[in-house]
């Protein structure tokens, strides 16, 4: 964002880009944490949170008796959906949309390098999700759902502030487009009045 601002000196673009990405991550965090608390799905490593020494313990009636740290056990019930994945996709999918508009990826000239630039942030977000599965913090369905939540919220937040990247003005925020249209209208009405 800052590189583009330095190049174009467009304060509206910088403002809307930062506002959009922060809004995207905040909304995603609220949705993800609400679902985590409501669902309470155990993490793949829950057994060792409940029984740190590896020895199972049961009450007389057959219920499981966890003897692990209560904070660790409570955190073990927050697997679905993956928070790290949803937040990564919220921020990095927004960045992908932003880059798509700035490099004009859909200008019908067929430059594969533009597509690589646009997809690179999504690759990093996917690697975050893969690391969560690999470290036994989440099931694959947790990561998949987190990526869907993050990408959906990022897309909605991007389109709230910017037009579709394939639009003729896809590189500018809605506010800049409206200001430019208003200035063009005022300059055309002034030229008509002077004639």
Protein backbone atom coordinates (compact mmCIF):
# COMPACT_ATOMS: atom_id res chain seq x y z
CA UNK A 1 0.00 0.00 0.00
CA UNK A 2 2.74 2.39 0.97
CA UNK A 3 4.76 1.68 -2.18
CA UNK A 4 1.76 2.47 -4.37
CA UNK A 5 1.05 5.59 -2.31
CA UNK A 6 4.64 6.76 -2.73
CA UNK A 7 4.36 6.19 -6.48
CA UNK A 8 0.91 7.79 -7.03
CA UNK A 9 0.57 10.12 -4.01
CA UNK A 10 -3.10 9.15 -3.77
CA UNK A 11 -4.18 9.63 -0.17
CA UNK A 12 -7.66 8.25 -0.90
CA UNK A 13 -6.16 5.01 -2.16
CA UNK A 14 -3.92 4.62 0.89
CA UNK A 15 -6.76 5.47 3.28
CA UNK A 16 -9.23 3.05 1.71
CA UNK A 17 -6.66 0.26 1.35
CA UNK A 18 -5.65 0.42 5.01
CA UNK A 19 -9.24 0.82 6.15
CA UNK A 20 -10.34 -2.10 3.97
CA UNK A 21 -7.68 -4.51 5.16
CA UNK A 22 -8.22 -3.62 8.82
CA UNK A 23 -11.98 -3.98 8.42
CA UNK A 24 -11.49 -7.31 6.67
CA UNK A 25 -9.29 -8.75 9.43
CA UNK A 26 -11.52 -7.38 12.21
CA UNK A 27 -14.76 -8.77 10.77
CA UNK A 28 -13.07 -12.11 10.09
CA UNK A 29 -11.76 -12.26 13.67
CA UNK A 30 -15.22 -11.62 15.12
CA UNK A 31 -16.85 -14.26 12.90
CA UNK A 32 -14.11 -16.84 13.49
CA UNK A 33 -13.98 -16.41 17.27
CA UNK A 34 -17.77 -16.52 17.53
CA UNK A 35 -17.87 -19.81 15.65
CA UNK A 36 -14.95 -21.21 17.69
CA UNK A 37 -16.77 -20.54 20.96
CA UNK A 38 -20.09 -21.87 19.66
CA UNK A 39 -18.79 -25.11 18.09
CA UNK A 40 -16.06 -26.17 20.54
CA UNK A 41 -14.49 -28.82 18.32
CA UNK A 42 -11.44 -30.52 19.92
CA UNK A 43 -8.04 -30.00 18.34
CA UNK A 44 -6.10 -32.97 16.92
CA UNK A 45 -3.66 -32.72 19.86
CA UNK A 46 -6.45 -32.65 22.45
CA UNK A 47 -5.52 -36.02 23.99
CA UNK A 48 -2.17 -34.69 25.17
CA UNK A 49 -3.76 -31.50 26.45
CA UNK A 50 -6.16 -33.55 28.55
CA UNK A 51 -3.58 -36.18 29.56
CA UNK A 52 -0.12 -34.54 29.44
CA UNK A 53 1.55 -37.65 30.85
CA UNK A 54 -0.18 -39.88 28.27
CA UNK A 55 -2.17 -41.82 30.90
CA UNK A 56 -5.94 -41.82 30.46
CA UNK A 57 -8.10 -41.23 33.54
CA UNK A 58 -11.80 -41.93 33.93
CA UNK A 59 -14.34 -41.25 36.66
CA UNK A 60 -16.37 -44.10 38.21
CA UNK A 61 -19.31 -43.38 35.90
CA UNK A 62 -17.09 -43.58 32.77
CA UNK A 63 -16.66 -39.86 32.08
CA UNK A 64 -13.23 -38.68 31.04
CA UNK A 65 -11.25 -36.97 33.81
CA UNK A 66 -8.81 -34.49 32.29
CA UNK A 67 -5.84 -33.75 34.52
CA UNK A 68 -4.09 -31.28 32.23
CA UNK A 69 -3.80 -27.52 32.73
CA UNK A 70 -7.40 -26.16 32.57
CA UNK A 71 -6.36 -23.27 30.30
CA UNK A 72 -4.71 -25.69 27.86
CA UNK A 73 -7.77 -27.96 27.92
CA UNK A 74 -10.12 -25.03 27.25
CA UNK A 75 -7.91 -23.86 24.35
CA UNK A 76 -8.06 -27.43 23.04
CA UNK A 77 -11.76 -26.98 22.30
CA UNK A 78 -11.17 -24.17 19.77
CA UNK A 79 -10.22 -26.01 16.62
CA UNK A 80 -13.06 -25.07 14.24
CA UNK A 81 -12.47 -22.91 12.23
CA UNK A 82 -8.77 -22.09 12.06
CA UNK A 83 -8.23 -18.53 13.27
CA UNK A 84 -4.71 -18.16 11.87
CA UNK A 85 -5.90 -19.36 8.46
CA UNK A 86 -8.98 -17.15 8.36
CA UNK A 87 -6.99 -14.06 9.42
CA UNK A 88 -4.24 -14.85 6.92
CA UNK A 89 -6.72 -15.23 4.10
CA UNK A 90 -8.59 -12.08 5.19
CA UNK A 91 -5.49 -9.93 4.96
CA UNK A 92 -3.70 -11.63 2.08
CA UNK A 93 -6.81 -12.15 -0.10
CA UNK A 94 -7.52 -8.44 0.30
CA UNK A 95 -3.93 -7.79 -0.77
CA UNK A 96 -4.44 -10.07 -3.80
CA UNK A 97 -7.56 -8.15 -4.83
CA UNK A 98 -5.68 -4.88 -4.32
CA UNK A 99 -2.70 -6.01 -6.40
CA UNK A 100 -5.06 -7.34 -9.07
CA UNK A 101 -6.51 -3.87 -9.50
CA UNK A 102 -3.18 -2.06 -9.34
CA UNK A 103 -1.29 -4.22 -11.86
CA UNK A 104 -4.40 -4.40 -14.07
CA UNK A 105 -4.27 -8.20 -14.18
CA UNK A 106 -7.40 -8.40 -16.35
CA UNK A 107 -6.33 -5.98 -19.08
CA UNK A 108 -6.61 -8.78 -21.71
CA UNK A 109 -2.94 -8.62 -22.61
CA UNK A 110 -2.22 -12.08 -21.21
CA UNK A 111 0.75 -11.34 -18.95
CA UNK A 112 1.31 -14.39 -16.75
CA UNK A 113 3.65 -12.43 -14.48
CA UNK A 114 0.71 -10.28 -13.35
CA UNK A 115 -1.18 -13.40 -12.33
CA UNK A 116 1.85 -14.64 -10.37
CA UNK A 117 2.02 -11.33 -8.49
CA UNK A 118 -1.69 -11.56 -7.67
CA UNK A 119 -1.57 -15.20 -6.53
CA UNK A 120 1.58 -14.91 -4.40
CA UNK A 121 -0.23 -13.57 -1.28
CA UNK A 122 -2.76 -16.41 -1.55
CA UNK A 123 0.10 -18.91 -1.65
CA UNK A 124 1.46 -17.47 1.61
CA UNK A 125 -2.00 -17.69 3.20
CA UNK A 126 -2.30 -21.32 2.07
CA UNK A 127 1.10 -22.08 3.60
CA UNK A 128 -0.14 -20.73 6.93
CA UNK A 129 -3.08 -23.14 6.74
CA UNK A 130 -0.86 -26.07 5.80
CA UNK A 131 1.42 -25.33 8.75
CA UNK A 132 -1.60 -25.44 11.11
CA UNK A 133 -2.48 -28.94 9.87
CA UNK A 134 1.14 -30.08 9.92
CA UNK A 135 1.60 -28.94 13.55
CA UNK A 136 -1.56 -30.83 14.65
CA UNK A 137 -3.35 -27.68 15.71
CA UNK A 138 -6.25 -28.09 13.25
CA UNK A 139 -8.07 -30.61 11.10
CA UNK A 140 -8.10 -29.97 7.34
CA UNK A 141 -11.78 -29.01 7.51
CA UNK A 142 -10.96 -26.29 10.07
CA UNK A 143 -8.34 -24.83 7.74
CA UNK A 144 -10.59 -25.09 4.67
CA UNK A 145 -13.47 -23.35 6.46
CA UNK A 146 -11.14 -20.66 7.81
CA UNK A 147 -9.86 -19.98 4.31
CA UNK A 148 -13.41 -19.68 2.96
CA UNK A 149 -14.41 -17.26 5.75
CA UNK A 150 -11.30 -15.11 5.30
CA UNK A 151 -11.53 -15.00 1.51
CA UNK A 152 -15.25 -14.19 1.52
CA UNK A 153 -14.91 -11.36 4.03
CA UNK A 154 -11.83 -9.99 2.22
CA UNK A 155 -13.70 -10.00 -1.09
CA UNK A 156 -16.70 -8.20 0.37
CA UNK A 157 -14.50 -5.62 2.11
CA UNK A 158 -12.45 -5.02 -1.04
CA UNK A 159 -15.57 -4.49 -3.15
CA UNK A 160 -16.92 -2.12 -0.51
CA UNK A 161 -14.02 0.27 -1.16
CA UNK A 162 -12.84 -0.58 -4.70
CA UNK A 163 -14.52 -1.61 -7.98
CA UNK A 164 -13.92 -5.00 -9.60
CA UNK A 165 -10.34 -5.21 -10.94
CA UNK A 166 -11.59 -5.88 -14.49
CA UNK A 167 -13.52 -2.59 -14.45
CA UNK A 168 -12.07 0.28 -16.46
CA UNK A 169 -11.44 2.15 -13.18
CA UNK A 170 -10.43 -1.01 -11.30
CA UNK A 171 -7.21 0.57 -10.08
CA UNK A 172 -8.85 3.39 -8.07
CA UNK A 173 -11.08 3.43 -4.97
CA UNK A 174 -14.73 4.43 -5.34
CA UNK A 175 -14.05 7.73 -3.54
CA UNK A 176 -11.35 8.77 -6.04
CA UNK A 177 -13.60 7.92 -8.97
CA UNK A 178 -16.47 10.01 -7.54
CA UNK A 179 -14.18 12.97 -6.85
CA UNK A 180 -12.74 12.79 -10.37
CA UNK A 181 -16.24 12.60 -11.89
CA UNK A 182 -17.40 15.56 -9.79
CA UNK A 183 -14.36 17.62 -10.83
CA UNK A 184 -14.94 16.76 -14.50
CA UNK A 185 -18.61 17.73 -14.18
CA UNK A 186 -17.74 21.04 -12.52
CA UNK A 187 -15.07 21.86 -15.11
CA UNK A 188 -17.47 21.04 -17.96
CA UNK A 189 -20.21 23.21 -16.44
CA UNK A 190 -17.73 26.07 -16.02
CA UNK A 191 -16.64 25.82 -19.65
CA UNK A 192 -20.29 25.81 -20.78
CA UNK A 193 -21.02 28.92 -18.65
CA UNK A 194 -18.11 30.84 -20.17
CA UNK A 195 -19.21 30.14 -23.74
